[in-house]
Amino acid sequence: MDYEIMMNGTIRIGQHAPDFEAVTTMGNRCLNDYKGKWLILFSHPGDFTPVCTTEMIAFAKMNAQFEEKNACLLGLSIDSNPSHLAWILDIYQKTGIKLPFPIIADRSGEIARKYGMISSNIDNTATVRNVYIIDDKGIIRLILVYPMNVGRCIPEILRALDALQTADKEDGSAPANWLPGEPIITPMPQTVEGMFERLDEIKKNKNGISWYLSFK
């Protein structure tokens, strides 16, 4: 299967997330149910598969930390709801871990195609490991795509969520390797006057390396 064909197939960062109505392991869900909350929508290739099982356990263990950020987890695959339920039960019986978030049963692949998780022109409809962070206004803010044989790093998804929320709140940008509690990059000045004011500020506060890179 050519994963490049499937990557970011129909949506882009900054667009409104496509609406959906879905059967899930916790009842019917639609995008509007998450209005006012951040949503982590993620797909997996299939139930009862090894990498996916480790991911579900990892997501479950960190669910409370996502909820603290006003974010909800929502899984998806093209397997049936009974298959999802059986898999959830198997995970619980083997590990004692209950999945605290719903999984969409996208049997027709309609939602997966809306979000570019699979391509309409290929026969194998297994979804790859996509992650979409959708903000509380319904806007796609981040897209990650992993191949079938590489599991996701759940702490990185949480870090990215935290970075987006902090950058929004402080009207700035998160630098490379940013971690919660660290400084945020200040927006660049747009005028000559602003540039020299920024240089004076950096000289006084030791909070940057040049007019175009300073922190707050």
N, C-alpha and C. Protein backbone atom coordinates (compact mmCIF):
# COMPACT_ATOMS: atom_id res chain seq x y z
N MET A 1 0.83 -1.19 0.00
CA MET A 1 0.00 0.00 0.00
C MET A 1 0.87 1.25 0.00
N ASP A 2 0.50 2.26 -0.77
CA ASP A 2 1.26 3.50 -0.83
C ASP A 2 0.70 4.48 0.20
N TYR A 3 1.38 4.61 1.33
CA TYR A 3 0.90 5.49 2.39
C TYR A 3 0.93 6.95 1.97
N GLU A 4 1.86 7.31 1.06
CA GLU A 4 1.94 8.70 0.63
C GLU A 4 0.64 9.15 -0.02
N ILE A 5 -0.04 8.23 -0.68
CA ILE A 5 -1.30 8.57 -1.33
C ILE A 5 -2.33 9.01 -0.30
N MET A 6 -2.27 8.40 0.89
CA MET A 6 -3.31 8.62 1.88
C MET A 6 -3.05 9.80 2.79
N MET A 7 -1.85 10.32 2.82
CA MET A 7 -1.51 11.35 3.79
C MET A 7 -2.19 12.68 3.46
N ASN A 8 -2.91 13.23 4.46
CA ASN A 8 -3.51 14.56 4.33
C ASN A 8 -4.33 14.68 3.04
N GLY A 9 -5.15 13.67 2.79
CA GLY A 9 -5.82 13.59 1.51
C GLY A 9 -6.86 14.65 1.23
N THR A 10 -7.63 15.09 2.23
CA THR A 10 -8.75 15.96 1.93
C THR A 10 -8.80 17.21 2.79
N ILE A 11 -8.09 17.29 3.87
CA ILE A 11 -8.18 18.45 4.75
C ILE A 11 -6.79 19.00 5.05
N ARG A 12 -6.77 20.24 5.50
CA ARG A 12 -5.51 20.90 5.81
C ARG A 12 -5.63 21.63 7.14
N ILE A 13 -4.50 21.91 7.75
CA ILE A 13 -4.48 22.70 8.97
C ILE A 13 -5.11 24.06 8.69
N GLY A 14 -5.96 24.50 9.61
CA GLY A 14 -6.63 25.79 9.46
C GLY A 14 -8.03 25.70 8.91
N GLN A 15 -8.39 24.53 8.37
CA GLN A 15 -9.74 24.34 7.86
C GLN A 15 -10.69 23.90 8.98
N HIS A 16 -11.98 24.11 8.74
CA HIS A 16 -12.98 23.56 9.65
C HIS A 16 -12.98 22.04 9.50
N ALA A 17 -13.03 21.35 10.62
CA ALA A 17 -13.06 19.89 10.58
C ALA A 17 -14.35 19.41 9.93
N PRO A 18 -14.28 18.42 9.06
CA PRO A 18 -15.50 17.89 8.44
C PRO A 18 -16.46 17.33 9.49
N ASP A 19 -17.73 17.64 9.34
CA ASP A 19 -18.73 17.13 10.26
C ASP A 19 -18.91 15.63 10.06
N PHE A 20 -19.39 14.97 11.07
CA PHE A 20 -19.66 13.53 10.96
C PHE A 20 -20.71 13.13 11.97
N GLU A 21 -21.40 12.03 11.68
CA GLU A 21 -22.29 11.35 12.62
C GLU A 21 -21.84 9.90 12.63
N ALA A 22 -21.66 9.34 13.82
CA ALA A 22 -21.03 8.02 13.89
C ALA A 22 -21.59 7.17 15.01
N VAL A 23 -21.56 5.87 14.76
CA VAL A 23 -21.82 4.88 15.81
C VAL A 23 -20.49 4.64 16.53
N THR A 24 -20.50 4.72 17.85
CA THR A 24 -19.28 4.47 18.61
C THR A 24 -19.56 3.49 19.75
N THR A 25 -18.52 3.10 20.43
CA THR A 25 -18.65 2.18 21.56
C THR A 25 -19.32 2.83 22.77
N MET A 26 -19.54 4.13 22.72
CA MET A 26 -20.23 4.83 23.80
C MET A 26 -21.46 5.57 23.29
N GLY A 27 -22.09 5.01 22.26
CA GLY A 27 -23.27 5.62 21.68
C GLY A 27 -22.94 6.49 20.48
N ASN A 28 -23.97 7.07 19.90
CA ASN A 28 -23.78 7.90 18.71
C ASN A 28 -23.04 9.19 19.07
N ARG A 29 -22.19 9.61 18.14
CA ARG A 29 -21.43 10.84 18.32
C ARG A 29 -21.45 11.64 17.01
N CYS A 30 -21.40 12.97 17.15
CA CYS A 30 -21.19 13.85 16.00
C CYS A 30 -20.18 14.91 16.42
N LEU A 31 -19.63 15.62 15.44
CA LEU A 31 -18.60 16.60 15.75
C LEU A 31 -19.13 17.67 16.69
N ASN A 32 -20.39 18.04 16.55
CA ASN A 32 -20.96 19.10 17.38
C ASN A 32 -21.00 18.73 18.86
N ASP A 33 -20.96 17.44 19.16
CA ASP A 33 -20.94 17.01 20.56
C ASP A 33 -19.71 17.55 21.29
N TYR A 34 -18.67 17.87 20.52
CA TYR A 34 -17.41 18.31 21.12
C TYR A 34 -17.23 19.83 21.04
N LYS A 35 -18.29 20.53 20.73
CA LYS A 35 -18.23 22.00 20.66
C LYS A 35 -17.79 22.57 22.00
N GLY A 36 -16.82 23.47 21.97
CA GLY A 36 -16.30 24.06 23.20
C GLY A 36 -15.18 23.26 23.83
N LYS A 37 -14.86 22.10 23.26
CA LYS A 37 -13.76 21.27 23.74
C LYS A 37 -12.78 21.02 22.60
N TRP A 38 -11.55 20.70 22.95
CA TRP A 38 -10.57 20.25 21.97
C TRP A 38 -10.78 18.75 21.75
N LEU A 39 -10.59 18.30 20.53
CA LEU A 39 -10.81 16.90 20.19
C LEU A 39 -9.54 16.30 19.58
N ILE A 40 -9.14 15.16 20.11
CA ILE A 40 -8.04 14.38 19.53
C ILE A 40 -8.68 13.21 18.81
N LEU A 41 -8.81 13.33 17.49
CA LEU A 41 -9.40 12.26 16.67
C LEU A 41 -8.26 11.46 16.07
N PHE A 42 -8.25 10.16 16.34
CA PHE A 42 -7.15 9.34 15.84
C PHE A 42 -7.68 8.03 15.26
N SER A 43 -7.05 7.60 14.18
CA SER A 43 -7.46 6.35 13.53
C SER A 43 -6.43 5.26 13.79
N HIS A 44 -6.89 4.02 13.71
CA HIS A 44 -5.97 2.89 13.82
C HIS A 44 -6.30 1.87 12.74
N PRO A 45 -5.32 1.10 12.27
CA PRO A 45 -5.54 0.17 11.16
C PRO A 45 -6.56 -0.93 11.45
N GLY A 46 -6.60 -1.45 12.69
CA GLY A 46 -7.54 -2.54 12.93
C GLY A 46 -7.54 -3.00 14.37
N ASP A 47 -8.67 -3.57 14.78
CA ASP A 47 -8.80 -4.14 16.12
C ASP A 47 -7.95 -5.40 16.24
N PHE A 48 -7.63 -5.76 17.47
CA PHE A 48 -6.89 -6.99 17.76
C PHE A 48 -5.55 -7.04 17.02
N THR A 49 -4.92 -5.89 16.86
CA THR A 49 -3.60 -5.83 16.24
C THR A 49 -2.61 -5.33 17.30
N PRO A 50 -1.36 -5.78 17.24
CA PRO A 50 -0.43 -5.54 18.34
C PRO A 50 -0.09 -4.07 18.60
N VAL A 51 0.30 -3.33 17.55
CA VAL A 51 0.69 -1.93 17.76
C VAL A 51 -0.51 -1.12 18.23
N CYS A 52 -1.67 -1.35 17.61
CA CYS A 52 -2.87 -0.61 17.99
C CYS A 52 -3.24 -0.86 19.45
N THR A 53 -3.07 -2.08 19.90
CA THR A 53 -3.39 -2.41 21.28
C THR A 53 -2.51 -1.63 22.24
N THR A 54 -1.22 -1.53 21.93
CA THR A 54 -0.33 -0.75 22.80
C THR A 54 -0.72 0.72 22.80
N GLU A 55 -1.17 1.22 21.67
CA GLU A 55 -1.58 2.63 21.59
C GLU A 55 -2.84 2.88 22.41
N MET A 56 -3.82 1.98 22.31
CA MET A 56 -5.05 2.16 23.07
C MET A 56 -4.77 2.16 24.57
N ILE A 57 -3.90 1.29 25.00
CA ILE A 57 -3.53 1.24 26.42
C ILE A 57 -2.84 2.54 26.82
N ALA A 58 -1.94 3.03 25.96
CA ALA A 58 -1.21 4.27 26.26
C ALA A 58 -2.15 5.47 26.30
N PHE A 59 -3.08 5.55 25.35
CA PHE A 59 -4.07 6.63 25.37
C PHE A 59 -4.91 6.57 26.65
N ALA A 60 -5.34 5.35 27.01
CA ALA A 60 -6.18 5.19 28.20
C ALA A 60 -5.45 5.66 29.46
N LYS A 61 -4.17 5.34 29.56
CA LYS A 61 -3.39 5.73 30.74
C LYS A 61 -3.22 7.24 30.85
N MET A 62 -3.28 7.95 29.71
CA MET A 62 -3.08 9.40 29.73
C MET A 62 -4.37 10.18 29.51
N ASN A 63 -5.52 9.48 29.50
CA ASN A 63 -6.78 10.14 29.22
C ASN A 63 -7.06 11.30 30.18
N ALA A 64 -6.79 11.09 31.46
CA ALA A 64 -7.07 12.13 32.45
C ALA A 64 -6.27 13.40 32.16
N GLN A 65 -5.05 13.25 31.64
CA GLN A 65 -4.22 14.42 31.34
C GLN A 65 -4.77 15.20 30.15
N PHE A 66 -5.36 14.48 29.19
CA PHE A 66 -6.02 15.17 28.08
C PHE A 66 -7.26 15.90 28.59
N GLU A 67 -8.03 15.26 29.46
CA GLU A 67 -9.24 15.89 30.00
C GLU A 67 -8.90 17.15 30.78
N GLU A 68 -7.77 17.16 31.47
CA GLU A 68 -7.33 18.36 32.19
C GLU A 68 -7.10 19.53 31.25
N LYS A 69 -6.83 19.22 29.99
CA LYS A 69 -6.59 20.26 28.97
C LYS A 69 -7.87 20.58 28.19
N ASN A 70 -9.03 20.16 28.72
CA ASN A 70 -10.31 20.37 28.04
C ASN A 70 -10.34 19.67 26.69
N ALA A 71 -9.73 18.49 26.62
CA ALA A 71 -9.63 17.73 25.37
C ALA A 71 -10.22 16.34 25.54
N CYS A 72 -10.86 15.87 24.48
CA CYS A 72 -11.46 14.53 24.48
C CYS A 72 -10.75 13.66 23.45
N LEU A 73 -10.61 12.39 23.75
CA LEU A 73 -10.05 11.41 22.81
C LEU A 73 -11.19 10.71 22.07
N LEU A 74 -10.97 10.45 20.79
CA LEU A 74 -11.96 9.74 19.98
C LEU A 74 -11.23 8.90 18.95
N GLY A 75 -11.32 7.57 19.07
CA GLY A 75 -10.68 6.67 18.13
C GLY A 75 -11.57 6.34 16.95
N LEU A 76 -10.98 5.74 15.92
CA LEU A 76 -11.73 5.36 14.72
C LEU A 76 -11.01 4.24 13.99
N SER A 77 -11.78 3.28 13.51
CA SER A 77 -11.30 2.35 12.48
C SER A 77 -12.50 1.87 11.69
N ILE A 78 -12.25 1.13 10.63
CA ILE A 78 -13.35 0.65 9.80
C ILE A 78 -13.92 -0.68 10.32
N ASP A 79 -13.45 -1.15 11.47
CA ASP A 79 -14.01 -2.35 12.08
C ASP A 79 -15.41 -2.05 12.63
N SER A 80 -16.17 -3.12 12.89
CA SER A 80 -17.54 -2.97 13.37
C SER A 80 -17.58 -2.63 14.85
N ASN A 81 -18.71 -2.13 15.31
CA ASN A 81 -18.86 -1.84 16.73
C ASN A 81 -18.73 -3.10 17.58
N PRO A 82 -19.33 -4.25 17.19
CA PRO A 82 -19.11 -5.47 17.97
C PRO A 82 -17.63 -5.86 18.07
N SER A 83 -16.89 -5.64 16.99
CA SER A 83 -15.45 -5.94 17.01
C SER A 83 -14.74 -5.02 18.00
N HIS A 84 -15.08 -3.72 17.96
CA HIS A 84 -14.50 -2.78 18.93
C HIS A 84 -14.79 -3.22 20.36
N LEU A 85 -16.05 -3.57 20.62
CA LEU A 85 -16.44 -3.96 21.98
C LEU A 85 -15.68 -5.21 22.44
N ALA A 86 -15.54 -6.18 21.53
CA ALA A 86 -14.82 -7.41 21.88
C ALA A 86 -13.35 -7.11 22.17
N TRP A 87 -12.79 -6.22 21.41
CA TRP A 87 -11.38 -5.82 21.61
C TRP A 87 -11.21 -5.08 22.93
N ILE A 88 -12.12 -4.16 23.23
CA ILE A 88 -12.09 -3.44 24.51
C ILE A 88 -12.18 -4.41 25.68
N LEU A 89 -13.06 -5.38 25.55
CA LEU A 89 -13.21 -6.38 26.61
C LEU A 89 -11.93 -7.20 26.75
N ASP A 90 -11.34 -7.59 25.63
CA ASP A 90 -10.10 -8.38 25.68
C ASP A 90 -8.98 -7.61 26.36
N ILE A 91 -8.87 -6.32 26.02
CA ILE A 91 -7.85 -5.49 26.67
C ILE A 91 -8.09 -5.43 28.17
N TYR A 92 -9.35 -5.27 28.57
CA TYR A 92 -9.67 -5.20 29.99
C TYR A 92 -9.36 -6.51 30.70
N GLN A 93 -9.74 -7.62 30.06
CA GLN A 93 -9.51 -8.93 30.69
C GLN A 93 -8.02 -9.24 30.81
N LYS A 94 -7.22 -8.79 29.86
CA LYS A 94 -5.79 -9.08 29.87
C LYS A 94 -5.00 -8.10 30.75
N THR A 95 -5.47 -6.85 30.88
CA THR A 95 -4.68 -5.82 31.55
C THR A 95 -5.38 -5.14 32.72
N GLY A 96 -6.70 -5.26 32.77
CA GLY A 96 -7.46 -4.54 33.80
C GLY A 96 -7.73 -3.09 33.44
N ILE A 97 -7.36 -2.69 32.22
CA ILE A 97 -7.53 -1.31 31.78
C ILE A 97 -8.82 -1.16 30.97
N LYS A 98 -9.67 -0.22 31.39
CA LYS A 98 -10.89 0.09 30.64
C LYS A 98 -10.62 1.32 29.77
N LEU A 99 -10.98 1.24 28.51
CA LEU A 99 -10.80 2.39 27.63
C LEU A 99 -11.86 3.43 27.97
N PRO A 100 -11.46 4.64 28.40
CA PRO A 100 -12.41 5.64 28.85
C PRO A 100 -12.91 6.58 27.75
N PHE A 101 -12.63 6.24 26.51
CA PHE A 101 -13.03 7.09 25.38
C PHE A 101 -13.70 6.21 24.32
N PRO A 102 -14.55 6.79 23.47
CA PRO A 102 -15.24 5.99 22.44
C PRO A 102 -14.37 5.71 21.23
N ILE A 103 -14.75 4.65 20.51
CA ILE A 103 -14.12 4.32 19.23
C ILE A 103 -15.22 4.27 18.16
N ILE A 104 -15.01 5.02 17.09
CA ILE A 104 -15.98 5.06 15.99
C ILE A 104 -15.89 3.78 15.17
N ALA A 105 -17.05 3.23 14.82
CA ALA A 105 -17.13 2.09 13.89
C ALA A 105 -17.47 2.65 12.51
N ASP A 106 -16.46 2.94 11.73
CA ASP A 106 -16.64 3.58 10.42
C ASP A 106 -16.66 2.52 9.33
N ARG A 107 -17.69 1.70 9.34
CA ARG A 107 -17.73 0.53 8.45
C ARG A 107 -17.69 0.91 6.97
N SER A 108 -18.32 2.01 6.60
CA SER A 108 -18.34 2.42 5.19
C SER A 108 -17.07 3.15 4.79
N GLY A 109 -16.29 3.58 5.76
CA GLY A 109 -15.09 4.36 5.47
C GLY A 109 -15.39 5.81 5.13
N GLU A 110 -16.64 6.24 5.31
CA GLU A 110 -17.04 7.59 4.92
C GLU A 110 -16.27 8.66 5.71
N ILE A 111 -16.18 8.48 7.02
CA ILE A 111 -15.48 9.47 7.85
C ILE A 111 -13.99 9.44 7.56
N ALA A 112 -13.44 8.22 7.43
CA ALA A 112 -12.02 8.09 7.13
C ALA A 112 -11.65 8.81 5.84
N ARG A 113 -12.51 8.70 4.83
CA ARG A 113 -12.22 9.38 3.56
C ARG A 113 -12.38 10.89 3.69
N LYS A 114 -13.35 11.34 4.47
CA LYS A 114 -13.50 12.78 4.69
C LYS A 114 -12.22 13.38 5.27
N TYR A 115 -11.59 12.62 6.16
CA TYR A 115 -10.41 13.13 6.86
C TYR A 115 -9.10 12.70 6.20
N GLY A 116 -9.17 12.05 5.06
CA GLY A 116 -7.94 11.68 4.37
C GLY A 116 -7.19 10.55 5.03
N MET A 117 -7.90 9.71 5.81
CA MET A 117 -7.24 8.58 6.47
C MET A 117 -6.99 7.43 5.52
N ILE A 118 -7.83 7.34 4.49
CA ILE A 118 -7.64 6.34 3.43
C ILE A 118 -7.93 7.03 2.11
N SER A 119 -7.56 6.39 1.03
CA SER A 119 -7.78 6.97 -0.28
C SER A 119 -8.89 6.22 -1.01
N SER A 120 -9.72 6.95 -1.72
CA SER A 120 -10.84 6.33 -2.44
C SER A 120 -10.39 5.46 -3.59
N ASN A 121 -9.16 5.62 -4.06
CA ASN A 121 -8.72 4.89 -5.25
C ASN A 121 -7.82 3.70 -4.95
N ILE A 122 -7.86 3.22 -3.69
CA ILE A 122 -7.10 2.02 -3.38
C ILE A 122 -8.03 0.98 -2.80
N ASP A 123 -7.70 -0.27 -2.97
CA ASP A 123 -8.57 -1.35 -2.56
C ASP A 123 -8.52 -1.62 -1.07
N ASN A 124 -7.34 -1.50 -0.48
CA ASN A 124 -7.20 -1.78 0.94
C ASN A 124 -7.67 -0.57 1.73
N THR A 125 -8.76 -0.73 2.50
CA THR A 125 -9.35 0.40 3.20
C THR A 125 -8.91 0.51 4.65
N ALA A 126 -7.84 -0.18 5.02
CA ALA A 126 -7.32 -0.01 6.38
C ALA A 126 -6.82 1.41 6.57
N THR A 127 -7.12 1.99 7.71
CA THR A 127 -6.66 3.34 7.99
C THR A 127 -5.25 3.29 8.56
N VAL A 128 -4.44 4.30 8.22
CA VAL A 128 -3.14 4.43 8.86
C VAL A 128 -3.33 5.19 10.17
N ARG A 129 -2.21 5.46 10.87
CA ARG A 129 -2.30 6.07 12.21
C ARG A 129 -2.32 7.59 12.10
N ASN A 130 -3.48 8.12 11.78
CA ASN A 130 -3.65 9.57 11.70
C ASN A 130 -4.02 10.14 13.06
N VAL A 131 -3.60 11.36 13.31
CA VAL A 131 -4.02 12.11 14.49
C VAL A 131 -4.42 13.51 14.05
N TYR A 132 -5.60 13.95 14.46
CA TYR A 132 -6.05 15.30 14.18
C TYR A 132 -6.35 15.98 15.51
N ILE A 133 -5.72 17.12 15.76
CA ILE A 133 -6.08 17.93 16.92
C ILE A 133 -7.01 19.03 16.40
N ILE A 134 -8.24 19.00 16.90
CA ILE A 134 -9.28 19.94 16.49
C ILE A 134 -9.57 20.85 17.69
N ASP A 135 -9.54 22.15 17.47
CA ASP A 135 -9.69 23.05 18.62
C ASP A 135 -11.15 23.22 19.02
N ASP A 136 -11.37 24.04 20.05
CA ASP A 136 -12.71 24.19 20.60
C ASP A 136 -13.65 24.98 19.69
N LYS A 137 -13.14 25.47 18.57
CA LYS A 137 -13.97 26.13 17.57
C LYS A 137 -14.17 25.26 16.33
N GLY A 138 -13.67 24.02 16.39
CA GLY A 138 -13.87 23.10 15.27
C GLY A 138 -12.86 23.24 14.16
N ILE A 139 -11.70 23.87 14.43
CA ILE A 139 -10.68 24.08 13.41
C ILE A 139 -9.57 23.03 13.55
N ILE A 140 -9.15 22.46 12.42
CA ILE A 140 -8.02 21.53 12.42
C ILE A 140 -6.75 22.31 12.74
N ARG A 141 -6.06 21.94 13.82
CA ARG A 141 -4.88 22.67 14.24
C ARG A 141 -3.59 21.88 14.04
N LEU A 142 -3.69 20.56 13.95
CA LEU A 142 -2.48 19.74 13.80
C LEU A 142 -2.87 18.41 13.15
N ILE A 143 -2.01 17.94 12.25
CA ILE A 143 -2.22 16.63 11.60
C ILE A 143 -0.93 15.84 11.71
N LEU A 144 -1.01 14.63 12.23
CA LEU A 144 0.11 13.70 12.27
C LEU A 144 -0.28 12.43 11.55
N VAL A 145 0.65 11.85 10.81
CA VAL A 145 0.39 10.59 10.11
C VAL A 145 1.55 9.63 10.35
N TYR A 146 1.25 8.48 10.90
CA TYR A 146 2.24 7.44 11.14
C TYR A 146 1.91 6.23 10.25
N PRO A 147 2.91 5.47 9.82
CA PRO A 147 2.65 4.25 9.08
C PRO A 147 2.15 3.15 10.01
N MET A 148 1.72 2.04 9.42
CA MET A 148 1.14 0.96 10.21
C MET A 148 2.12 0.35 11.21
N ASN A 149 3.41 0.36 10.89
CA ASN A 149 4.37 -0.36 11.73
C ASN A 149 5.11 0.53 12.74
N VAL A 150 4.62 1.76 12.96
CA VAL A 150 5.23 2.65 13.95
C VAL A 150 4.14 3.20 14.86
N GLY A 151 4.24 2.88 16.15
CA GLY A 151 3.25 3.37 17.10
C GLY A 151 3.46 4.84 17.44
N ARG A 152 2.38 5.48 17.79
CA ARG A 152 2.43 6.91 18.13
C ARG A 152 3.04 7.14 19.51
N CYS A 153 3.63 8.32 19.70
CA CYS A 153 4.14 8.74 21.00
C CYS A 153 3.06 9.60 21.64
N ILE A 154 2.33 9.04 22.58
CA ILE A 154 1.20 9.75 23.17
C ILE A 154 1.63 10.99 23.95
N PRO A 155 2.75 10.95 24.71
CA PRO A 155 3.20 12.18 25.37
C PRO A 155 3.48 13.32 24.39
N GLU A 156 3.94 13.01 23.17
CA GLU A 156 4.18 14.06 22.18
C GLU A 156 2.86 14.69 21.72
N ILE A 157 1.81 13.87 21.58
CA ILE A 157 0.50 14.41 21.20
C ILE A 157 -0.02 15.34 22.29
N LEU A 158 0.17 14.96 23.54
CA LEU A 158 -0.24 15.80 24.67
C LEU A 158 0.60 17.09 24.69
N ARG A 159 1.91 16.97 24.44
CA ARG A 159 2.78 18.15 24.41
C ARG A 159 2.35 19.11 23.30
N ALA A 160 2.02 18.57 22.14
CA ALA A 160 1.59 19.41 21.02
C ALA A 160 0.29 20.13 21.35
N LEU A 161 -0.63 19.43 22.00
CA LEU A 161 -1.88 20.06 22.44
C LEU A 161 -1.59 21.20 23.40
N ASP A 162 -0.71 20.95 24.37
CA ASP A 162 -0.34 21.97 25.35
C ASP A 162 0.32 23.16 24.66
N ALA A 163 1.17 22.88 23.68
CA ALA A 163 1.85 23.96 22.95
C ALA A 163 0.85 24.82 22.19
N LEU A 164 -0.11 24.20 21.54
CA LEU A 164 -1.12 24.95 20.79
C LEU A 164 -1.94 25.84 21.73
N GLN A 165 -2.37 25.26 22.84
CA GLN A 165 -3.19 26.02 23.77
C GLN A 165 -2.41 27.16 24.41
N THR A 166 -1.15 26.91 24.76
CA THR A 166 -0.33 27.95 25.39
C THR A 166 -0.01 29.06 24.40
N ALA A 167 0.33 28.69 23.16
CA ALA A 167 0.63 29.69 22.13
C ALA A 167 -0.60 30.57 21.86
N ASP A 168 -1.79 29.96 21.84
CA ASP A 168 -3.02 30.74 21.65
C ASP A 168 -3.23 31.71 22.81
N LYS A 169 -3.07 31.21 24.01
CA LYS A 169 -3.33 32.02 25.20
C LYS A 169 -2.37 33.19 25.32
N GLU A 170 -1.11 32.96 24.98
CA GLU A 170 -0.07 33.98 25.15
C GLU A 170 0.24 34.73 23.86
N ASP A 171 -0.51 34.43 22.80
CA ASP A 171 -0.31 35.10 21.51
C ASP A 171 1.16 35.03 21.08
N GLY A 172 1.66 33.81 21.00
CA GLY A 172 3.05 33.61 20.60
C GLY A 172 3.21 32.31 19.86
N SER A 173 4.43 31.78 19.86
CA SER A 173 4.73 30.52 19.19
C SER A 173 5.60 29.65 20.09
N ALA A 174 5.44 28.35 19.98
CA ALA A 174 6.26 27.43 20.76
C ALA A 174 7.54 27.10 20.00
N PRO A 175 8.70 27.25 20.61
CA PRO A 175 9.97 26.94 19.92
C PRO A 175 10.20 25.43 19.86
N ALA A 176 11.28 25.05 19.20
CA ALA A 176 11.65 23.64 19.10
C ALA A 176 11.84 23.05 20.50
N ASN A 177 11.36 21.84 20.66
CA ASN A 177 11.51 21.09 21.91
C ASN A 177 10.83 21.76 23.10
N TRP A 178 9.87 22.64 22.84
CA TRP A 178 9.17 23.34 23.91
C TRP A 178 8.48 22.35 24.84
N LEU A 179 8.54 22.64 26.13
CA LEU A 179 7.86 21.86 27.14
C LEU A 179 7.01 22.79 28.00
N PRO A 180 5.92 22.28 28.58
CA PRO A 180 5.06 23.12 29.41
C PRO A 180 5.84 23.86 30.49
N GLY A 181 5.55 25.14 30.63
CA GLY A 181 6.22 25.97 31.62
C GLY A 181 7.40 26.76 31.07
N GLU A 182 7.85 26.41 29.85
CA GLU A 182 8.97 27.12 29.25
C GLU A 182 8.49 28.36 28.49
N PRO A 183 9.40 29.31 28.20
CA PRO A 183 9.00 30.56 27.53
C PRO A 183 8.45 30.32 26.12
N ILE A 184 7.60 31.24 25.70
CA ILE A 184 7.00 31.24 24.37
C ILE A 184 7.66 32.34 23.54
N ILE A 185 7.82 32.11 22.25
CA ILE A 185 8.40 33.11 21.36
C ILE A 185 7.43 34.27 21.16
N THR A 186 7.96 35.49 21.29
CA THR A 186 7.17 36.70 21.08
C THR A 186 7.02 36.97 19.58
N PRO A 187 5.84 37.38 19.13
CA PRO A 187 5.68 37.70 17.70
C PRO A 187 6.71 38.74 17.24
N MET A 188 7.17 38.58 16.02
CA MET A 188 8.17 39.50 15.47
C MET A 188 7.59 40.90 15.29
N PRO A 189 8.38 41.95 15.56
CA PRO A 189 7.92 43.31 15.26
C PRO A 189 7.79 43.49 13.75
N GLN A 190 6.91 44.39 13.35
CA GLN A 190 6.62 44.56 11.92
C GLN A 190 7.07 45.93 11.39
N THR A 191 7.68 46.72 12.24
CA THR A 191 8.13 48.05 11.82
C THR A 191 9.57 48.28 12.28
N VAL A 192 10.21 49.28 11.70
CA VAL A 192 11.57 49.64 12.11
C VAL A 192 11.56 50.09 13.56
N GLU A 193 10.57 50.89 13.92
CA GLU A 193 10.47 51.36 15.31
C GLU A 193 10.33 50.19 16.26
N GLY A 194 9.47 49.25 15.89
CA GLY A 194 9.28 48.06 16.73
C GLY A 194 10.53 47.22 16.84
N MET A 195 11.30 47.16 15.75
CA MET A 195 12.52 46.37 15.74
C MET A 195 13.53 46.92 16.76
N PHE A 196 13.72 48.25 16.75
CA PHE A 196 14.68 48.84 17.68
C PHE A 196 14.19 48.79 19.12
N GLU A 197 12.89 48.89 19.31
CA GLU A 197 12.32 48.73 20.65
C GLU A 197 12.57 47.31 21.17
N ARG A 198 12.44 46.35 20.26
CA ARG A 198 12.68 44.95 20.66
C ARG A 198 14.15 44.73 21.02
N LEU A 199 15.06 45.33 20.26
CA LEU A 199 16.49 45.21 20.57
C LEU A 199 16.80 45.80 21.94
N ASP A 200 16.18 46.92 22.26
CA ASP A 200 16.38 47.53 23.57
C ASP A 200 15.84 46.63 24.68
N GLU A 201 14.71 46.03 24.41
CA GLU A 201 14.09 45.13 25.38
C GLU A 201 14.97 43.90 25.63
N ILE A 202 15.53 43.34 24.56
CA ILE A 202 16.40 42.17 24.69
C ILE A 202 17.67 42.53 25.46
N LYS A 203 18.23 43.70 25.18
CA LYS A 203 19.42 44.13 25.89
C LYS A 203 19.15 44.28 27.38
N LYS A 204 17.97 44.78 27.72
CA LYS A 204 17.60 45.01 29.10
C LYS A 204 17.24 43.71 29.83
N ASN A 205 16.46 42.86 29.18
CA ASN A 205 15.89 41.68 29.86
C ASN A 205 16.61 40.38 29.57
N LYS A 206 17.56 40.41 28.60
CA LYS A 206 18.28 39.18 28.23
C LYS A 206 17.31 38.06 27.84
N ASN A 207 16.31 38.40 27.05
CA ASN A 207 15.25 37.44 26.73
C ASN A 207 15.19 37.08 25.25
N GLY A 208 16.31 37.19 24.55
CA GLY A 208 16.31 36.82 23.14
C GLY A 208 17.70 36.91 22.55
N ILE A 209 17.81 36.58 21.24
CA ILE A 209 19.10 36.62 20.57
C ILE A 209 19.13 37.67 19.46
N SER A 210 17.95 38.13 19.00
CA SER A 210 17.88 39.15 17.96
C SER A 210 16.46 39.71 17.93
N TRP A 211 16.26 40.77 17.15
CA TRP A 211 14.94 41.42 17.08
C TRP A 211 13.86 40.46 16.62
N TYR A 212 14.24 39.44 15.85
CA TYR A 212 13.23 38.51 15.33
C TYR A 212 13.04 37.27 16.19
N LEU A 213 13.86 37.11 17.24
CA LEU A 213 13.72 35.94 18.12
C LEU A 213 13.90 36.35 19.58
N SER A 214 12.80 36.55 20.24
CA SER A 214 12.82 36.85 21.67
C SER A 214 11.69 36.08 22.35
N PHE A 215 11.75 36.01 23.65
CA PHE A 215 10.81 35.18 24.41
C PHE A 215 10.06 35.99 25.47
N LYS A 216 8.92 35.45 25.84
CA LYS A 216 8.17 36.04 26.94
C LYS A 216 7.63 34.96 27.86
